[in-house]
PDB file of all heavy atoms in Angstrom:
ATOM      1  N   PRO A   1      15.247  18.158 -25.816  1.00  0.00           N
ATOM      2  CA  PRO A   1      15.462  17.597 -24.536  1.00  0.00           C
ATOM      3  C   PRO A   1      14.472  16.500 -24.089  1.00  0.00           C
ATOM      4  O   PRO A   1      13.363  16.591 -24.458  1.00  0.00           O
ATOM      5  CB  PRO A   1      15.257  18.838 -23.605  1.00  0.00           C
ATOM      6  CG  PRO A   1      15.476  20.022 -24.403  1.00  0.00           C
ATOM      7  CD  PRO A   1      14.967  19.619 -25.771  1.00  0.00           C
ATOM      8  N   LYS A   2      15.055  15.509 -23.567  1.00  0.00           N
ATOM      9  CA  LYS A   2      14.105  14.383 -23.107  1.00  0.00           C
ATOM     10  C   LYS A   2      14.604  14.002 -21.720  1.00  0.00           C
ATOM     11  O   LYS A   2      15.707  14.072 -21.350  1.00  0.00           O
ATOM     12  CB  LYS A   2      14.378  13.252 -24.042  1.00  0.00           C
ATOM     13  CG  LYS A   2      13.756  13.375 -25.477  1.00  0.00           C
ATOM     14  CD  LYS A   2      13.936  12.226 -26.326  1.00  0.00           C
ATOM     15  CE  LYS A   2      13.459  12.387 -27.766  1.00  0.00           C
ATOM     16  NZ  LYS A   2      13.582  11.182 -28.591  1.00  0.00           N
ATOM     17  N   PRO A   3      13.656  13.432 -21.005  1.00  0.00           N
ATOM     18  CA  PRO A   3      13.924  12.901 -19.643  1.00  0.00           C
ATOM     19  C   PRO A   3      14.649  11.612 -19.883  1.00  0.00           C
ATOM     20  O   PRO A   3      14.626  10.856 -20.795  1.00  0.00           O
ATOM     21  CB  PRO A   3      12.641  12.707 -18.970  1.00  0.00           C
ATOM     22  CG  PRO A   3      11.639  12.529 -20.036  1.00  0.00           C
ATOM     23  CD  PRO A   3      12.134  13.309 -21.132  1.00  0.00           C
ATOM     24  N   LEU A   4      15.371  11.126 -18.771  1.00  0.00           N
ATOM     25  CA  LEU A   4      15.982   9.834 -18.732  1.00  0.00           C
ATOM     26  C   LEU A   4      14.865   8.714 -19.048  1.00  0.00           C
ATOM     27  O   LEU A   4      13.794   8.953 -18.517  1.00  0.00           O
ATOM     28  CB  LEU A   4      16.653   9.516 -17.426  1.00  0.00           C
ATOM     29  CG  LEU A   4      17.628   8.392 -17.277  1.00  0.00           C
ATOM     30  CD1 LEU A   4      18.819   8.653 -18.300  1.00  0.00           C
ATOM     31  CD2 LEU A   4      18.041   8.239 -15.871  1.00  0.00           C
ATOM     32  N   SER A   5      15.198   7.675 -19.671  1.00  0.00           N
ATOM     33  CA  SER A   5      14.148   6.672 -19.995  1.00  0.00           C
ATOM     34  C   SER A   5      13.835   5.806 -18.790  1.00  0.00           C
ATOM     35  O   SER A   5      14.665   5.502 -18.012  1.00  0.00           O
ATOM     36  CB  SER A   5      14.592   5.840 -21.177  1.00  0.00           C
ATOM     37  OG  SER A   5      15.571   4.943 -20.759  1.00  0.00           O
ATOM     38  N   ARG A   6      12.564   5.341 -18.751  1.00  0.00           N
ATOM     39  CA  ARG A   6      12.085   4.463 -17.739  1.00  0.00           C
ATOM     40  C   ARG A   6      12.903   3.092 -17.804  1.00  0.00           C
ATOM     41  O   ARG A   6      13.252   2.499 -16.706  1.00  0.00           O
ATOM     42  CB  ARG A   6      10.646   4.165 -17.955  1.00  0.00           C
ATOM     43  CG  ARG A   6      10.074   3.191 -16.986  1.00  0.00           C
ATOM     44  CD  ARG A   6       8.619   3.056 -17.112  1.00  0.00           C
ATOM     45  NE  ARG A   6       8.048   2.156 -16.152  1.00  0.00           N
ATOM     46  CZ  ARG A   6       6.814   2.096 -15.805  1.00  0.00           C
ATOM     47  NH1 ARG A   6       5.871   2.899 -16.455  1.00  0.00           N
ATOM     48  NH2 ARG A   6       6.327   1.232 -14.979  1.00  0.00           N
ATOM     49  N   GLN A   7      13.313   2.749 -18.968  1.00  0.00           N
ATOM     50  CA  GLN A   7      14.055   1.546 -19.191  1.00  0.00           C
ATOM     51  C   GLN A   7      15.373   1.575 -18.588  1.00  0.00           C
ATOM     52  O   GLN A   7      15.826   0.600 -17.922  1.00  0.00           O
ATOM     53  CB  GLN A   7      14.150   1.131 -20.736  1.00  0.00           C
ATOM     54  CG  GLN A   7      14.827  -0.217 -20.984  1.00  0.00           C
ATOM     55  CD  GLN A   7      14.080  -1.468 -20.381  1.00  0.00           C
ATOM     56  OE1 GLN A   7      12.809  -1.448 -20.409  1.00  0.00           O
ATOM     57  NE2 GLN A   7      14.827  -2.351 -19.728  1.00  0.00           N
ATOM     58  N   ALA A   8      16.023   2.683 -18.696  1.00  0.00           N
ATOM     59  CA  ALA A   8      17.386   2.863 -18.043  1.00  0.00           C
ATOM     60  C   ALA A   8      17.283   2.733 -16.587  1.00  0.00           C
ATOM     61  O   ALA A   8      18.075   2.121 -15.973  1.00  0.00           O
ATOM     62  CB  ALA A   8      18.008   4.222 -18.493  1.00  0.00           C
ATOM     63  N   VAL A   9      16.323   3.319 -16.030  1.00  0.00           N
ATOM     64  CA  VAL A   9      16.077   3.374 -14.607  1.00  0.00           C
ATOM     65  C   VAL A   9      15.696   1.992 -14.125  1.00  0.00           C
ATOM     66  O   VAL A   9      16.339   1.398 -13.087  1.00  0.00           O
ATOM     67  CB  VAL A   9      15.075   4.365 -14.073  1.00  0.00           C
ATOM     68  CG1 VAL A   9      14.868   4.274 -12.551  1.00  0.00           C
ATOM     69  CG2 VAL A   9      15.362   5.779 -14.493  1.00  0.00           C
ATOM     70  N   SER A  10      14.795   1.237 -14.716  1.00  0.00           N
ATOM     71  CA  SER A  10      14.490  -0.095 -14.429  1.00  0.00           C
ATOM     72  C   SER A  10      15.660  -1.048 -14.436  1.00  0.00           C
ATOM     73  O   SER A  10      15.839  -1.812 -13.614  1.00  0.00           O
ATOM     74  CB  SER A  10      13.360  -0.529 -15.459  1.00  0.00           C
ATOM     75  OG  SER A  10      12.909  -1.787 -15.061  1.00  0.00           O
ATOM     76  N   THR A  11      16.452  -0.960 -15.516  1.00  0.00           N
ATOM     77  CA  THR A  11      17.541  -1.892 -15.665  1.00  0.00           C
ATOM     78  C   THR A  11      18.567  -1.719 -14.533  1.00  0.00           C
ATOM     79  O   THR A  11      19.056  -2.652 -13.925  1.00  0.00           O
ATOM     80  CB  THR A  11      18.349  -1.519 -16.989  1.00  0.00           C
ATOM     81  OG1 THR A  11      17.324  -1.889 -18.032  1.00  0.00           O
ATOM     82  CG2 THR A  11      19.514  -2.387 -17.080  1.00  0.00           C
ATOM     83  N   ALA A  12      18.820  -0.379 -14.153  1.00  0.00           N
ATOM     84  CA  ALA A  12      19.883  -0.129 -13.051  1.00  0.00           C
ATOM     85  C   ALA A  12      19.189  -0.650 -11.717  1.00  0.00           C
ATOM     86  O   ALA A  12      19.934  -1.317 -10.911  1.00  0.00           O
ATOM     87  CB  ALA A  12      20.048   1.401 -12.971  1.00  0.00           C
ATOM     88  N   PHE A  13      17.917  -0.408 -11.493  1.00  0.00           N
ATOM     89  CA  PHE A  13      17.280  -0.891 -10.186  1.00  0.00           C
ATOM     90  C   PHE A  13      17.364  -2.364 -10.081  1.00  0.00           C
ATOM     91  O   PHE A  13      17.632  -2.939  -9.075  1.00  0.00           O
ATOM     92  CB  PHE A  13      15.899  -0.332 -10.151  1.00  0.00           C
ATOM     93  CG  PHE A  13      15.730   1.097  -9.685  1.00  0.00           C
ATOM     94  CD1 PHE A  13      16.788   2.006  -9.798  1.00  0.00           C
ATOM     95  CD2 PHE A  13      14.482   1.613  -9.278  1.00  0.00           C
ATOM     96  CE1 PHE A  13      16.659   3.339  -9.366  1.00  0.00           C
ATOM     97  CE2 PHE A  13      14.367   2.928  -8.974  1.00  0.00           C
ATOM     98  CZ  PHE A  13      15.397   3.785  -8.983  1.00  0.00           C
ATOM     99  N   LYS A  14      17.002  -3.077 -11.143  1.00  0.00           N
ATOM    100  CA  LYS A  14      17.058  -4.450 -11.212  1.00  0.00           C
ATOM    101  C   LYS A  14      18.346  -5.048 -10.882  1.00  0.00           C
ATOM    102  O   LYS A  14      18.552  -5.986 -10.108  1.00  0.00           O
ATOM    103  CB  LYS A  14      16.509  -5.045 -12.478  1.00  0.00           C
ATOM    104  CG  LYS A  14      16.420  -6.562 -12.586  1.00  0.00           C
ATOM    105  CD  LYS A  14      15.886  -6.901 -13.908  1.00  0.00           C
ATOM    106  CE  LYS A  14      15.825  -8.500 -13.993  1.00  0.00           C
ATOM    107  NZ  LYS A  14      15.313  -9.048 -15.201  1.00  0.00           N
ATOM    108  N   ALA A  15      19.454  -4.508 -11.463  1.00  0.00           N
ATOM    109  CA  ALA A  15      20.863  -4.913 -11.245  1.00  0.00           C
ATOM    110  C   ALA A  15      21.212  -4.676  -9.843  1.00  0.00           C
ATOM    111  O   ALA A  15      21.799  -5.632  -9.220  1.00  0.00           O
ATOM    112  CB  ALA A  15      21.732  -4.185 -12.219  1.00  0.00           C
ATOM    113  N   VAL A  16      20.932  -3.593  -9.211  1.00  0.00           N
ATOM    114  CA  VAL A  16      21.332  -3.312  -7.786  1.00  0.00           C
ATOM    115  C   VAL A  16      20.463  -4.213  -6.971  1.00  0.00           C
ATOM    116  O   VAL A  16      20.892  -4.732  -5.830  1.00  0.00           O
ATOM    117  CB  VAL A  16      21.144  -1.877  -7.484  1.00  0.00           C
ATOM    118  CG1 VAL A  16      21.188  -1.664  -5.903  1.00  0.00           C
ATOM    119  CG2 VAL A  16      22.139  -1.099  -8.240  1.00  0.00           C
ATOM    120  N   GLY A  17      19.207  -4.449  -7.380  1.00  0.00           N
ATOM    121  CA  GLY A  17      18.350  -5.343  -6.562  1.00  0.00           C
ATOM    122  C   GLY A  17      19.020  -6.775  -6.427  1.00  0.00           C
ATOM    123  O   GLY A  17      18.891  -7.439  -5.451  1.00  0.00           O
ATOM    124  N   GLU A  18      19.519  -7.225  -7.538  1.00  0.00           N
ATOM    125  CA  GLU A  18      20.120  -8.535  -7.515  1.00  0.00           C
ATOM    126  C   GLU A  18      21.376  -8.479  -6.572  1.00  0.00           C
ATOM    127  O   GLU A  18      21.702  -9.617  -5.953  1.00  0.00           O
ATOM    128  CB  GLU A  18      20.609  -8.895  -8.976  1.00  0.00           C
ATOM    129  CG  GLU A  18      19.429  -9.176  -9.844  1.00  0.00           C
ATOM    130  CD  GLU A  18      19.742  -9.470 -11.302  1.00  0.00           C
ATOM    131  OE1 GLU A  18      20.987  -9.246 -11.635  1.00  0.00           O
ATOM    132  OE2 GLU A  18      18.962  -9.731 -12.190  1.00  0.00           O
ATOM    133  N   ILE A  19      22.108  -7.471  -6.408  1.00  0.00           N
ATOM    134  CA  ILE A  19      23.220  -7.354  -5.553  1.00  0.00           C
ATOM    135  C   ILE A  19      22.806  -7.427  -4.107  1.00  0.00           C
ATOM    136  O   ILE A  19      23.430  -8.256  -3.330  1.00  0.00           O
ATOM    137  CB  ILE A  19      24.081  -6.003  -5.781  1.00  0.00           C
ATOM    138  CG1 ILE A  19      24.650  -5.997  -7.123  1.00  0.00           C
ATOM    139  CG2 ILE A  19      25.105  -5.767  -4.701  1.00  0.00           C
ATOM    140  CD1 ILE A  19      25.296  -4.673  -7.509  1.00  0.00           C
ATOM    141  N   VAL A  20      21.705  -6.756  -3.779  1.00  0.00           N
ATOM    142  CA  VAL A  20      21.273  -6.705  -2.328  1.00  0.00           C
ATOM    143  C   VAL A  20      20.247  -7.784  -1.961  1.00  0.00           C
ATOM    144  O   VAL A  20      19.732  -7.859  -0.852  1.00  0.00           O
ATOM    145  CB  VAL A  20      20.698  -5.415  -1.981  1.00  0.00           C
ATOM    146  CG1 VAL A  20      21.780  -4.267  -2.096  1.00  0.00           C
ATOM    147  CG2 VAL A  20      19.545  -5.024  -2.781  1.00  0.00           C
ATOM    148  N   GLY A  21      19.738  -8.565  -3.077  1.00  0.00           N
ATOM    149  CA  GLY A  21      18.815  -9.563  -2.771  1.00  0.00           C
ATOM    150  C   GLY A  21      17.421  -9.145  -2.553  1.00  0.00           C
ATOM    151  O   GLY A  21      16.619  -9.681  -1.764  1.00  0.00           O
ATOM    152  N   ILE A  22      17.046  -8.080  -3.278  1.00  0.00           N
ATOM    153  CA  ILE A  22      15.621  -7.616  -3.216  1.00  0.00           C
ATOM    154  C   ILE A  22      15.102  -7.418  -4.647  1.00  0.00           C
ATOM    155  O   ILE A  22      15.838  -7.037  -5.471  1.00  0.00           O
ATOM    156  CB  ILE A  22      15.591  -6.145  -2.527  1.00  0.00           C
ATOM    157  CG1 ILE A  22      16.225  -6.218  -1.106  1.00  0.00           C
ATOM    158  CG2 ILE A  22      14.218  -5.551  -2.565  1.00  0.00           C
ATOM    159  CD1 ILE A  22      16.277  -4.784  -0.468  1.00  0.00           C
ATOM    160  N   ASP A  23      13.820  -7.769  -4.828  1.00  0.00           N
ATOM    161  CA  ASP A  23      13.188  -7.539  -6.166  1.00  0.00           C
ATOM    162  C   ASP A  23      12.884  -6.006  -6.291  1.00  0.00           C
ATOM    163  O   ASP A  23      11.834  -5.562  -5.930  1.00  0.00           O
ATOM    164  CB  ASP A  23      11.829  -8.421  -6.169  1.00  0.00           C
ATOM    165  CG  ASP A  23      12.183  -9.896  -6.291  1.00  0.00           C
ATOM    166  OD1 ASP A  23      13.140 -10.255  -6.773  1.00  0.00           O
ATOM    167  OD2 ASP A  23      11.325 -10.619  -5.750  1.00  0.00           O
ATOM    168  N   LEU A  24      13.894  -5.391  -6.934  1.00  0.00           N
ATOM    169  CA  LEU A  24      13.836  -3.924  -6.849  1.00  0.00           C
ATOM    170  C   LEU A  24      13.376  -3.504  -8.240  1.00  0.00           C
ATOM    171  O   LEU A  24      13.774  -4.078  -9.348  1.00  0.00           O
ATOM    172  CB  LEU A  24      15.213  -3.407  -6.647  1.00  0.00           C
ATOM    173  CG  LEU A  24      15.425  -1.928  -6.075  1.00  0.00           C
ATOM    174  CD1 LEU A  24      14.659  -1.892  -4.685  1.00  0.00           C
ATOM    175  CD2 LEU A  24      16.778  -1.562  -5.927  1.00  0.00           C
ATOM    176  N   GLY A  25      12.425  -2.632  -8.280  1.00  0.00           N
ATOM    177  CA  GLY A  25      11.957  -1.971  -9.589  1.00  0.00           C
ATOM    178  C   GLY A  25      11.550  -0.590  -9.454  1.00  0.00           C
ATOM    179  O   GLY A  25      11.735   0.017  -8.384  1.00  0.00           O
ATOM    180  N   THR A  26      11.043   0.020 -10.482  1.00  0.00           N
ATOM    181  CA  THR A  26      10.714   1.499 -10.338  1.00  0.00           C
ATOM    182  C   THR A  26       9.564   1.691  -9.421  1.00  0.00           C
ATOM    183  O   THR A  26       9.497   2.882  -8.828  1.00  0.00           O
ATOM    184  CB  THR A  26      10.325   1.977 -11.765  1.00  0.00           C
ATOM    185  OG1 THR A  26       9.298   1.183 -12.343  1.00  0.00           O
ATOM    186  CG2 THR A  26      11.544   1.963 -12.710  1.00  0.00           C
ATOM    187  N   HIS A  27       8.706   0.733  -9.171  1.00  0.00           N
ATOM    188  CA  HIS A  27       7.561   0.984  -8.157  1.00  0.00           C
ATOM    189  C   HIS A  27       8.118   0.803  -6.819  1.00  0.00           C
ATOM    190  O   HIS A  27       7.385   1.203  -5.863  1.00  0.00           O
ATOM    191  CB  HIS A  27       6.476  -0.092  -8.381  1.00  0.00           C
ATOM    192  CG  HIS A  27       5.516   0.304  -9.373  1.00  0.00           C
ATOM    193  ND1 HIS A  27       4.389   1.147  -9.087  1.00  0.00           N
ATOM    194  CD2 HIS A  27       5.370   0.177 -10.694  1.00  0.00           C
ATOM    195  CE1 HIS A  27       3.709   1.351 -10.060  1.00  0.00           C
ATOM    196  NE2 HIS A  27       4.198   0.727 -11.093  1.00  0.00           N
ATOM    197  N   SER A  28       9.397   0.241  -6.538  1.00  0.00           N
ATOM    198  CA  SER A  28       9.865   0.149  -5.272  1.00  0.00           C
ATOM    199  C   SER A  28      10.022   1.437  -4.420  1.00  0.00           C
ATOM    200  O   SER A  28       9.766   1.490  -3.210  1.00  0.00           O
ATOM    201  CB  SER A  28      11.250  -0.580  -5.298  1.00  0.00           C
ATOM    202  OG  SER A  28      11.158  -1.808  -5.799  1.00  0.00           O
ATOM    203  N   MET A  29      10.284   2.503  -5.175  1.00  0.00           N
ATOM    204  CA  MET A  29      10.403   3.821  -4.505  1.00  0.00           C
ATOM    205  C   MET A  29       9.109   4.226  -3.847  1.00  0.00           C
ATOM    206  O   MET A  29       8.956   4.628  -2.652  1.00  0.00           O
ATOM    207  CB  MET A  29      10.817   4.897  -5.442  1.00  0.00           C
ATOM    208  CG  MET A  29      12.166   4.661  -6.080  1.00  0.00           C
ATOM    209  SD  MET A  29      12.597   5.952  -7.351  1.00  0.00           S
ATOM    210  CE  MET A  29      11.534   5.490  -8.718  1.00  0.00           C
ATOM    211  N   ARG A  30       8.043   4.144  -4.655  1.00  0.00           N
ATOM    212  CA  ARG A  30       6.684   4.538  -4.160  1.00  0.00           C
ATOM    213  C   ARG A  30       6.160   3.560  -3.046  1.00  0.00           C
ATOM    214  O   ARG A  30       5.627   3.938  -2.025  1.00  0.00           O
ATOM    215  CB  ARG A  30       5.773   4.517  -5.368  1.00  0.00           C
ATOM    216  CG  ARG A  30       4.335   4.898  -5.190  1.00  0.00           C
ATOM    217  CD  ARG A  30       3.724   5.047  -6.603  1.00  0.00           C
ATOM    218  NE  ARG A  30       2.362   4.961  -6.554  1.00  0.00           N
ATOM    219  CZ  ARG A  30       1.498   6.019  -6.419  1.00  0.00           C
ATOM    220  NH1 ARG A  30       2.029   7.190  -6.115  1.00  0.00           N
ATOM    221  NH2 ARG A  30       0.165   5.885  -6.369  1.00  0.00           N
ATOM    222  N   LYS A  31       6.379   2.218  -3.295  1.00  0.00           N
ATOM    223  CA  LYS A  31       6.120   1.240  -2.243  1.00  0.00           C
ATOM    224  C   LYS A  31       6.690   1.399  -0.934  1.00  0.00           C
ATOM    225  O   LYS A  31       6.190   1.287   0.167  1.00  0.00           O
ATOM    226  CB  LYS A  31       6.296  -0.109  -2.807  1.00  0.00           C
ATOM    227  CG  LYS A  31       5.369  -0.539  -3.920  1.00  0.00           C
ATOM    228  CD  LYS A  31       5.576  -1.945  -4.346  1.00  0.00           C
ATOM    229  CE  LYS A  31       4.550  -2.432  -5.354  1.00  0.00           C
ATOM    230  NZ  LYS A  31       4.693  -3.915  -5.657  1.00  0.00           N
ATOM    231  N   THR A  32       8.067   1.752  -1.009  1.00  0.00           N
ATOM    232  CA  THR A  32       8.876   1.946   0.133  1.00  0.00           C
ATOM    233  C   THR A  32       8.464   3.148   1.018  1.00  0.00           C
ATOM    234  O   THR A  32       8.349   2.959   2.219  1.00  0.00           O
ATOM    235  CB  THR A  32      10.358   2.193  -0.305  1.00  0.00           C
ATOM    236  OG1 THR A  32      10.855   1.031  -1.004  1.00  0.00           O
ATOM    237  CG2 THR A  32      11.233   2.496   0.899  1.00  0.00           C
ATOM    238  N   ARG A  33       8.082   4.213   0.407  1.00  0.00           N
ATOM    239  CA  ARG A  33       7.622   5.284   1.156  1.00  0.00           C
ATOM    240  C   ARG A  33       6.290   4.953   1.850  1.00  0.00           C
ATOM    241  O   ARG A  33       6.051   5.344   3.032  1.00  0.00           O
ATOM    242  CB  ARG A  33       7.501   6.637   0.378  1.00  0.00           C
ATOM    243  CG  ARG A  33       7.182   7.795   1.228  1.00  0.00           C
ATOM    244  CD  ARG A  33       7.416   9.137   0.547  1.00  0.00           C
ATOM    245  NE  ARG A  33       7.187  10.319   1.514  1.00  0.00           N
ATOM    246  CZ  ARG A  33       8.219  10.658   2.325  1.00  0.00           C
ATOM    247  NH1 ARG A  33       9.380   9.997   2.325  1.00  0.00           N
ATOM    248  NH2 ARG A  33       7.974  11.588   3.141  1.00  0.00           N
ATOM    249  N   GLY A  34       5.402   4.354   1.114  1.00  0.00           N
ATOM    250  CA  GLY A  34       4.183   3.958   1.665  1.00  0.00           C
ATOM    251  C   GLY A  34       4.318   2.965   2.810  1.00  0.00           C
ATOM    252  O   GLY A  34       3.636   3.147   3.856  1.00  0.00           O
ATOM    253  N   TYR A  35       5.213   1.991   2.658  1.00  0.00           N
ATOM    254  CA  TYR A  35       5.461   1.022   3.739  1.00  0.00           C
ATOM    255  C   TYR A  35       6.044   1.683   4.960  1.00  0.00           C
ATOM    256  O   TYR A  35       5.446   1.438   6.101  1.00  0.00           O
ATOM    257  CB  TYR A  35       6.475  -0.012   3.226  1.00  0.00           C
ATOM    258  CG  TYR A  35       6.908  -1.056   4.363  1.00  0.00           C
ATOM    259  CD1 TYR A  35       6.059  -2.173   4.507  1.00  0.00           C
ATOM    260  CD2 TYR A  35       8.059  -0.796   5.027  1.00  0.00           C
ATOM    261  CE1 TYR A  35       6.446  -3.053   5.540  1.00  0.00           C
ATOM    262  CE2 TYR A  35       8.397  -1.790   6.129  1.00  0.00           C
ATOM    263  CZ  TYR A  35       7.538  -2.828   6.242  1.00  0.00           C
ATOM    264  OH  TYR A  35       7.977  -3.692   7.307  1.00  0.00           O
ATOM    265  N   HIS A  36       6.987   2.596   4.923  1.00  0.00           N
ATOM    266  CA  HIS A  36       7.509   3.148   5.952  1.00  0.00           C
ATOM    267  C   HIS A  36       6.617   4.229   6.728  1.00  0.00           C
ATOM    268  O   HIS A  36       6.632   4.315   7.976  1.00  0.00           O
ATOM    269  CB  HIS A  36       8.894   3.798   5.653  1.00  0.00           C
ATOM    270  CG  HIS A  36       9.965   2.790   5.531  1.00  0.00           C
ATOM    271  ND1 HIS A  36      10.576   2.080   6.557  1.00  0.00           N
ATOM    272  CD2 HIS A  36      10.508   2.155   4.395  1.00  0.00           C
ATOM    273  CE1 HIS A  36      11.457   1.176   6.063  1.00  0.00           C
ATOM    274  NE2 HIS A  36      11.417   1.226   4.719  1.00  0.00           N
ATOM    275  N   LEU A  37       5.741   4.922   5.915  1.00  0.00           N
ATOM    276  CA  LEU A  37       4.750   5.775   6.476  1.00  0.00           C
ATOM    277  C   LEU A  37       3.762   5.031   7.293  1.00  0.00           C
ATOM    278  O   LEU A  37       3.361   5.348   8.382  1.00  0.00           O
ATOM    279  CB  LEU A  37       4.065   6.587   5.463  1.00  0.00           C
ATOM    280  CG  LEU A  37       2.984   7.552   5.927  1.00  0.00           C
ATOM    281  CD1 LEU A  37       3.585   8.611   6.880  1.00  0.00           C
ATOM    282  CD2 LEU A  37       2.318   8.273   4.740  1.00  0.00           C
ATOM    283  N   TYR A  38       3.277   3.855   6.767  1.00  0.00           N
ATOM    284  CA  TYR A  38       2.417   2.927   7.479  1.00  0.00           C
ATOM    285  C   TYR A  38       3.028   2.491   8.734  1.00  0.00           C
ATOM    286  O   TYR A  38       2.342   2.431   9.846  1.00  0.00           O
ATOM    287  CB  TYR A  38       1.950   1.793   6.661  1.00  0.00           C
ATOM    288  CG  TYR A  38       1.046   0.908   7.377  1.00  0.00           C
ATOM    289  CD1 TYR A  38      -0.450   1.267   7.639  1.00  0.00           C
ATOM    290  CD2 TYR A  38       1.429  -0.277   7.822  1.00  0.00           C
ATOM    291  CE1 TYR A  38      -1.251   0.445   8.302  1.00  0.00           C
ATOM    292  CE2 TYR A  38       0.573  -1.133   8.583  1.00  0.00           C
ATOM    293  CZ  TYR A  38      -0.738  -0.716   8.819  1.00  0.00           C
ATOM    294  OH  TYR A  38      -1.514  -1.518   9.505  1.00  0.00           O
ATOM    295  N   ASN A  39       4.262   2.066   8.642  1.00  0.00           N
ATOM    296  CA  ASN A  39       4.943   1.434   9.913  1.00  0.00           C
ATOM    297  C   ASN A  39       5.036   2.661  10.950  1.00  0.00           C
ATOM    298  O   ASN A  39       4.960   2.278  12.140  1.00  0.00           O
ATOM    299  CB  ASN A  39       6.271   0.913   9.525  1.00  0.00           C
ATOM    300  CG  ASN A  39       6.322  -0.569   9.369  1.00  0.00           C
ATOM    301  OD1 ASN A  39       5.179  -1.146   9.340  1.00  0.00           O
ATOM    302  ND2 ASN A  39       7.408  -1.152   9.132  1.00  0.00           N
ATOM    303  N   LYS A  40       5.252   3.834  10.558  1.00  0.00           N
ATOM    304  CA  LYS A  40       5.371   4.908  11.459  1.00  0.00           C
ATOM    305  C   LYS A  40       4.089   5.330  12.095  1.00  0.00           C
ATOM    306  O   LYS A  40       4.054   5.619  13.296  1.00  0.00           O
ATOM    307  CB  LYS A  40       6.006   6.060  10.810  1.00  0.00           C
ATOM    308  CG  LYS A  40       6.280   7.286  11.724  1.00  0.00           C
ATOM    309  CD  LYS A  40       6.871   8.486  10.902  1.00  0.00           C
ATOM    310  CE  LYS A  40       7.095   9.702  11.786  1.00  0.00           C
ATOM    311  NZ  LYS A  40       7.625  10.899  10.997  1.00  0.00           N
ATOM    312  N   THR A  41       3.045   5.362  11.301  1.00  0.00           N
ATOM    313  CA  THR A  41       1.699   5.891  11.718  1.00  0.00           C
ATOM    314  C   THR A  41       0.655   4.842  12.031  1.00  0.00           C
ATOM    315  O   THR A  41      -0.306   5.157  12.743  1.00  0.00           O
ATOM    316  CB  THR A  41       1.185   6.878  10.741  1.00  0.00           C
ATOM    317  OG1 THR A  41       0.857   6.189   9.458  1.00  0.00           O
ATOM    318  CG2 THR A  41       2.205   7.891  10.399  1.00  0.00           C
TER     319      THR A  41
END
């Protein structure tokens, strides 16, 4: 058994980022939570 590859996730994120006009990558999840927590608090 192996986890899904980082490359597979990165490729999917980048493709969807191009659709919505955002530079989306695997770090975007972590950055997004940090950004919204800061905005809230």
